[in-house]
C-alpha cells in the first residue's frame, strides 16, 4: 500500500509540475487592459468641407530664382546663377560654348525669357 501511495504522489507531482509549466507561457500571451484602451487618431470630421488643393501655400506671383536658373540651364548655360533681381527682371549669368553670358527673365509667374 505504501508503494501505491508513493507512486500516486509522484504521479500527482509530475502532473502538477507539467501543468504549471504550460500555464506560464499561455499566461504570457494574455493581454490585460485596466482602464480605457489606447485609441488611434480621432475620426475625421465630415461636417467640415476639406480645404482646396494647395491651401496654405503662398501663391507664386513672381519669378522663382530656382526656376530661372533651371530655365537658363535648359537654354545651355552651365554654372547658372542669379546675379540680380529687380521688380521687372531676373538676371542669370553663366557659361555657354562661347564663354560667359547673361540671360534676363521677366519677374512674373512662369519666368518668360526676355533676351539672351
N, C-alpha and C. Protein backbone atom coordinates (compact mmCIF):
# COMPACT_ATOMS: atom_id res chain seq x y z
N UNK A 1 0.81 -1.18 0.00
CA UNK A 1 0.00 0.00 0.00
C UNK A 1 0.86 1.26 0.00
N UNK A 2 2.00 1.18 0.70
CA UNK A 2 2.89 2.32 0.77
C UNK A 2 3.48 2.62 -0.60
N UNK A 3 3.80 1.58 -1.37
CA UNK A 3 4.33 1.78 -2.72
C UNK A 3 3.29 2.42 -3.60
N UNK A 4 2.04 2.03 -3.44
CA UNK A 4 0.96 2.61 -4.24
C UNK A 4 0.80 4.09 -3.95
N UNK A 5 0.81 4.49 -2.70
CA UNK A 5 0.68 5.90 -2.34
C UNK A 5 1.89 6.70 -2.82
N UNK A 6 3.05 6.13 -2.76
CA UNK A 6 4.26 6.83 -3.22
C UNK A 6 4.20 7.04 -4.73
N UNK A 7 3.78 6.02 -5.45
CA UNK A 7 3.66 6.16 -6.90
C UNK A 7 2.56 7.15 -7.28
N UNK A 8 1.44 7.14 -6.55
CA UNK A 8 0.35 8.08 -6.82
C UNK A 8 0.79 9.51 -6.51
N UNK A 9 1.53 9.70 -5.43
CA UNK A 9 2.03 11.03 -5.07
C UNK A 9 3.03 11.54 -6.11
N UNK A 10 3.92 10.64 -6.57
CA UNK A 10 4.88 11.01 -7.59
C UNK A 10 4.17 11.38 -8.89
N UNK A 11 3.14 10.64 -9.25
CA UNK A 11 2.38 10.94 -10.46
C UNK A 11 1.66 12.28 -10.32
N UNK A 12 1.11 12.55 -9.13
CA UNK A 12 0.41 13.83 -8.90
C UNK A 12 1.41 15.00 -8.99
N UNK A 13 2.61 14.83 -8.44
CA UNK A 13 3.62 15.90 -8.50
C UNK A 13 4.06 16.15 -9.94
N UNK A 14 4.23 15.09 -10.72
CA UNK A 14 4.59 15.25 -12.12
C UNK A 14 3.47 15.96 -12.89
N UNK A 15 2.24 15.62 -12.62
CA UNK A 15 1.10 16.25 -13.30
C UNK A 15 1.02 17.74 -12.95
N UNK A 16 1.15 18.05 -11.68
CA UNK A 16 1.08 19.46 -11.25
C UNK A 16 2.26 20.23 -11.84
N UNK A 17 3.43 19.66 -11.85
CA UNK A 17 4.61 20.33 -12.42
C UNK A 17 4.46 20.57 -13.91
N UNK A 18 3.90 19.60 -14.61
CA UNK A 18 3.70 19.74 -16.05
C UNK A 18 2.66 20.82 -16.33
N UNK A 19 1.57 20.82 -15.58
CA UNK A 19 0.54 21.85 -15.78
C UNK A 19 1.07 23.24 -15.45
N UNK A 20 1.88 23.37 -14.44
CA UNK A 20 2.44 24.67 -14.07
C UNK A 20 3.38 25.16 -15.17
N UNK A 21 4.10 24.26 -15.81
CA UNK A 21 4.99 24.65 -16.90
C UNK A 21 4.24 25.10 -18.14
N UNK A 22 3.06 24.61 -18.39
CA UNK A 22 2.30 25.01 -19.57
C UNK A 22 1.44 26.24 -19.33
N UNK A 23 1.10 26.51 -18.10
CA UNK A 23 0.25 27.67 -17.80
C UNK A 23 1.04 28.97 -17.94
N UNK A 24 2.31 29.00 -17.56
CA UNK A 24 3.11 30.23 -17.60
C UNK A 24 3.25 30.79 -19.02
N UNK A 25 3.61 29.98 -20.05
CA UNK A 25 3.69 30.55 -21.40
C UNK A 25 2.33 30.98 -21.93
N UNK A 26 1.28 30.29 -21.55
CA UNK A 26 -0.04 30.69 -22.02
C UNK A 26 -0.46 32.01 -21.38
N UNK A 27 -0.06 32.25 -20.14
CA UNK A 27 -0.41 33.49 -19.47
C UNK A 27 0.36 34.66 -20.05
N UNK A 28 1.54 34.41 -20.64
CA UNK A 28 2.34 35.50 -21.20
C UNK A 28 1.66 36.10 -22.42
N UNK A 29 0.80 35.38 -23.10
CA UNK A 29 0.12 35.88 -24.27
C UNK A 29 -1.18 36.60 -23.92
N UNK A 30 -1.55 36.62 -22.69
CA UNK A 30 -2.79 37.25 -22.26
C UNK A 30 -2.57 38.74 -22.13
N UNK A 31 -3.46 39.54 -22.73
CA UNK A 31 -3.34 40.99 -22.71
C UNK A 31 -4.42 41.54 -21.78
N UNK A 32 -3.99 42.05 -20.63
CA UNK A 32 -4.94 42.57 -19.65
C UNK A 32 -4.88 44.09 -19.71
N UNK A 33 -6.02 44.73 -19.96
CA UNK A 33 -6.10 46.19 -20.05
C UNK A 33 -6.93 46.68 -18.88
N UNK A 34 -6.33 47.53 -18.06
CA UNK A 34 -7.05 48.12 -16.94
C UNK A 34 -7.35 49.56 -17.32
N UNK A 35 -8.56 49.94 -17.30
CA UNK A 35 -8.95 51.29 -17.72
C UNK A 35 -9.33 51.27 -19.20
N UNK A 36 -9.26 52.43 -19.84
CA UNK A 36 -9.67 52.53 -21.23
C UNK A 36 -8.48 52.24 -22.15
N UNK A 37 -8.67 51.46 -23.21
CA UNK A 37 -7.55 51.15 -24.11
C UNK A 37 -7.13 52.37 -24.91
N UNK A 38 -5.86 52.36 -25.36
CA UNK A 38 -5.38 53.46 -26.21
C UNK A 38 -6.15 53.46 -27.51
N UNK A 39 -6.53 54.62 -27.91
CA UNK A 39 -7.28 54.73 -29.17
C UNK A 39 -6.40 55.39 -30.21
N UNK A 40 -6.72 55.20 -31.48
CA UNK A 40 -5.98 55.80 -32.58
C UNK A 40 -6.37 57.26 -32.74
N UNK A 41 -6.06 57.83 -33.90
CA UNK A 41 -6.41 59.23 -34.13
C UNK A 41 -7.94 59.39 -34.17
N UNK A 42 -8.41 60.58 -33.87
CA UNK A 42 -9.86 60.78 -33.88
C UNK A 42 -10.41 60.62 -35.29
N UNK A 43 -11.66 60.24 -35.41
CA UNK A 43 -12.24 60.09 -36.75
C UNK A 43 -12.34 61.44 -37.44
N UNK A 44 -12.30 61.46 -38.76
CA UNK A 44 -12.38 62.74 -39.47
C UNK A 44 -13.74 63.41 -39.26
N UNK A 45 -13.71 64.73 -39.28
CA UNK A 45 -14.94 65.49 -39.10
C UNK A 45 -15.56 65.71 -40.47
N UNK A 46 -16.61 64.96 -40.77
CA UNK A 46 -17.24 65.04 -42.08
C UNK A 46 -18.18 66.23 -42.22
N UNK A 47 -18.37 66.97 -41.14
CA UNK A 47 -19.25 68.14 -41.23
C UNK A 47 -18.55 69.32 -41.90
N UNK A 48 -17.22 69.34 -41.89
CA UNK A 48 -16.47 70.43 -42.50
C UNK A 48 -16.09 70.09 -43.92
N UNK A 49 -16.06 71.09 -44.76
CA UNK A 49 -15.62 70.91 -46.14
C UNK A 49 -14.09 70.91 -46.14
N UNK A 50 -13.45 69.96 -46.81
CA UNK A 50 -11.98 69.94 -46.82
C UNK A 50 -11.43 71.17 -47.54
N UNK A 51 -10.24 71.64 -47.15
CA UNK A 51 -9.67 72.82 -47.81
C UNK A 51 -9.31 72.50 -49.25
N UNK A 52 -9.27 73.51 -50.12
CA UNK A 52 -8.95 73.26 -51.53
C UNK A 52 -7.49 72.84 -51.70
N UNK A 53 -7.19 72.26 -52.86
CA UNK A 53 -5.84 71.79 -53.15
C UNK A 53 -4.87 72.97 -53.15
N UNK A 54 -3.74 72.81 -52.46
CA UNK A 54 -2.74 73.86 -52.40
C UNK A 54 -3.03 74.92 -51.36
N UNK A 55 -4.01 74.70 -50.51
CA UNK A 55 -4.37 75.68 -49.49
C UNK A 55 -3.23 75.82 -48.49
N UNK A 56 -2.91 77.03 -48.12
CA UNK A 56 -1.87 77.27 -47.14
C UNK A 56 -0.53 77.60 -47.76
N UNK A 57 -0.38 77.35 -49.06
CA UNK A 57 0.86 77.72 -49.73
C UNK A 57 0.75 79.13 -50.27
N UNK A 58 1.87 79.81 -50.31
CA UNK A 58 1.90 81.17 -50.82
C UNK A 58 1.73 81.12 -52.34
N UNK A 59 0.86 81.94 -52.91
CA UNK A 59 0.71 81.93 -54.36
C UNK A 59 1.97 82.48 -55.04
N UNK A 60 2.30 81.89 -56.18
CA UNK A 60 3.50 82.31 -56.89
C UNK A 60 3.16 83.51 -57.76
N UNK A 61 3.66 84.68 -57.37
CA UNK A 61 3.36 85.91 -58.11
C UNK A 61 4.56 86.38 -58.92
N UNK A 62 5.74 85.96 -58.55
CA UNK A 62 6.95 86.43 -59.22
C UNK A 62 7.75 85.24 -59.71
N UNK A 63 8.81 85.54 -60.42
CA UNK A 63 9.71 84.51 -60.95
C UNK A 63 10.54 83.93 -59.81
N UNK A 64 10.48 82.64 -59.63
CA UNK A 64 11.29 81.97 -58.62
C UNK A 64 12.73 81.88 -59.12
N UNK A 65 13.72 82.31 -58.34
CA UNK A 65 15.10 82.27 -58.81
C UNK A 65 15.57 80.87 -59.21
N UNK A 66 15.10 79.85 -58.50
CA UNK A 66 15.49 78.48 -58.88
C UNK A 66 14.94 78.09 -60.24
N UNK A 67 13.71 78.55 -60.53
CA UNK A 67 13.11 78.26 -61.83
C UNK A 67 13.89 78.98 -62.92
N UNK A 68 14.31 80.23 -62.67
CA UNK A 68 15.09 80.97 -63.66
C UNK A 68 16.42 80.27 -63.93
N UNK A 69 17.09 79.78 -62.90
CA UNK A 69 18.34 79.05 -63.10
C UNK A 69 18.11 77.77 -63.89
N UNK A 70 17.05 77.05 -63.58
CA UNK A 70 16.76 75.82 -64.31
C UNK A 70 16.46 76.10 -65.77
N UNK A 71 15.72 77.18 -66.04
CA UNK A 71 15.41 77.52 -67.43
C UNK A 71 16.68 77.93 -68.18
N UNK A 72 17.58 78.65 -67.50
CA UNK A 72 18.85 79.03 -68.14
C UNK A 72 19.66 77.78 -68.46
N UNK A 73 19.65 76.79 -67.58
CA UNK A 73 20.35 75.53 -67.88
C UNK A 73 19.73 74.84 -69.09
N UNK A 74 18.40 74.93 -69.21
CA UNK A 74 17.73 74.35 -70.38
C UNK A 74 18.16 75.06 -71.67
N UNK A 75 18.50 76.33 -71.58
CA UNK A 75 18.97 77.09 -72.74
C UNK A 75 20.45 76.86 -73.01
N UNK A 76 21.13 76.06 -72.22
CA UNK A 76 22.52 75.72 -72.48
C UNK A 76 23.52 76.37 -71.56
N UNK A 77 23.10 77.03 -70.52
CA UNK A 77 24.02 77.66 -69.58
C UNK A 77 24.58 76.61 -68.62
N UNK A 78 25.88 76.73 -68.33
CA UNK A 78 26.50 75.91 -67.30
C UNK A 78 26.80 76.82 -66.12
N UNK A 79 26.77 76.27 -64.91
CA UNK A 79 27.01 77.03 -63.67
C UNK A 79 26.15 78.30 -63.64
N UNK A 80 24.88 78.15 -63.96
CA UNK A 80 23.97 79.30 -63.97
C UNK A 80 23.69 79.75 -62.55
N UNK A 81 23.67 81.07 -62.34
CA UNK A 81 23.35 81.62 -61.03
C UNK A 81 22.65 82.96 -61.21
N UNK A 82 21.75 83.26 -60.31
CA UNK A 82 21.03 84.52 -60.34
C UNK A 82 21.95 85.59 -59.75
N UNK A 83 22.14 86.69 -60.50
CA UNK A 83 23.02 87.75 -60.02
C UNK A 83 22.25 89.00 -59.61
N UNK A 84 21.03 89.17 -60.12
CA UNK A 84 20.27 90.37 -59.79
C UNK A 84 18.78 90.09 -59.95
N UNK A 85 18.00 90.62 -59.00
CA UNK A 85 16.54 90.53 -59.08
C UNK A 85 16.00 91.94 -58.91
N UNK A 86 15.31 92.43 -59.93
CA UNK A 86 14.67 93.75 -59.87
C UNK A 86 13.17 93.53 -59.91
N UNK A 87 12.39 94.59 -59.73
CA UNK A 87 10.94 94.40 -59.81
C UNK A 87 10.47 93.92 -61.18
N UNK A 88 11.28 94.15 -62.23
CA UNK A 88 10.86 93.75 -63.57
C UNK A 88 11.62 92.55 -64.13
N UNK A 89 12.87 92.36 -63.69
CA UNK A 89 13.71 91.34 -64.32
C UNK A 89 14.44 90.48 -63.30
N UNK A 90 14.77 89.26 -63.73
CA UNK A 90 15.67 88.37 -63.00
C UNK A 90 16.81 88.07 -63.96
N UNK A 91 18.03 88.42 -63.56
CA UNK A 91 19.18 88.26 -64.44
C UNK A 91 20.01 87.06 -63.98
N UNK A 92 20.30 86.18 -64.93
CA UNK A 92 21.06 84.96 -64.67
C UNK A 92 22.33 85.00 -65.50
N UNK A 93 23.45 84.72 -64.87
CA UNK A 93 24.72 84.63 -65.58
C UNK A 93 25.24 83.21 -65.50
N UNK A 94 25.99 82.83 -66.54
CA UNK A 94 26.58 81.51 -66.58
C UNK A 94 27.53 81.41 -67.75
N UNK A 95 27.91 80.18 -68.09
CA UNK A 95 28.85 79.93 -69.16
C UNK A 95 28.16 79.17 -70.27
N UNK A 96 28.42 79.58 -71.52
CA UNK A 96 27.93 78.85 -72.68
C UNK A 96 29.14 78.37 -73.47
N UNK A 97 28.91 77.86 -74.69
CA UNK A 97 30.04 77.42 -75.52
C UNK A 97 30.93 78.59 -75.91
N UNK A 98 30.34 79.78 -76.00
CA UNK A 98 31.10 80.96 -76.43
C UNK A 98 31.76 81.70 -75.28
N UNK A 99 31.55 81.26 -74.03
CA UNK A 99 32.15 81.92 -72.89
C UNK A 99 31.08 82.43 -71.94
N UNK A 100 31.43 83.41 -71.10
CA UNK A 100 30.44 83.92 -70.14
C UNK A 100 29.31 84.63 -70.87
N UNK A 101 28.10 84.41 -70.36
CA UNK A 101 26.92 85.00 -70.99
C UNK A 101 25.90 85.34 -69.91
N UNK A 102 24.89 86.10 -70.31
CA UNK A 102 23.86 86.58 -69.39
C UNK A 102 22.49 86.43 -70.05
N UNK A 103 21.49 86.13 -69.25
CA UNK A 103 20.13 85.96 -69.76
C UNK A 103 19.17 86.64 -68.80
N UNK A 104 18.13 87.30 -69.32
CA UNK A 104 17.15 88.00 -68.49
C UNK A 104 15.80 87.32 -68.61
N UNK A 105 15.11 87.26 -67.47
CA UNK A 105 13.77 86.71 -67.42
C UNK A 105 12.84 87.77 -66.82
N UNK A 106 11.60 87.77 -67.26
CA UNK A 106 10.63 88.69 -66.68
C UNK A 106 10.30 88.22 -65.26
N UNK A 107 10.13 89.17 -64.34
CA UNK A 107 9.85 88.83 -62.95
C UNK A 107 8.35 88.67 -62.75
N UNK A 108 7.77 87.76 -63.50
CA UNK A 108 6.35 87.42 -63.37
C UNK A 108 6.26 85.90 -63.29
N UNK A 109 5.08 85.42 -63.01
CA UNK A 109 4.87 83.99 -62.88
C UNK A 109 5.25 83.25 -64.16
N UNK A 110 6.06 82.21 -64.02
CA UNK A 110 6.46 81.40 -65.16
C UNK A 110 7.81 81.78 -65.71
N UNK A 111 8.38 82.92 -65.36
CA UNK A 111 9.70 83.37 -65.79
C UNK A 111 9.87 83.34 -67.31
N UNK A 112 9.10 84.10 -68.08
CA UNK A 112 9.33 84.10 -69.53
C UNK A 112 10.65 84.79 -69.86
N UNK A 113 11.42 84.23 -70.80
CA UNK A 113 12.71 84.85 -71.13
C UNK A 113 12.52 86.17 -71.88
N UNK A 114 13.35 87.18 -71.57
CA UNK A 114 13.29 88.47 -72.23
C UNK A 114 14.32 88.54 -73.35
N UNK A 115 15.58 88.28 -73.02
CA UNK A 115 16.62 88.29 -74.05
C UNK A 115 17.73 87.36 -73.61
N UNK A 116 18.47 86.94 -74.62
CA UNK A 116 19.57 86.02 -74.35
C UNK A 116 20.88 86.66 -74.67
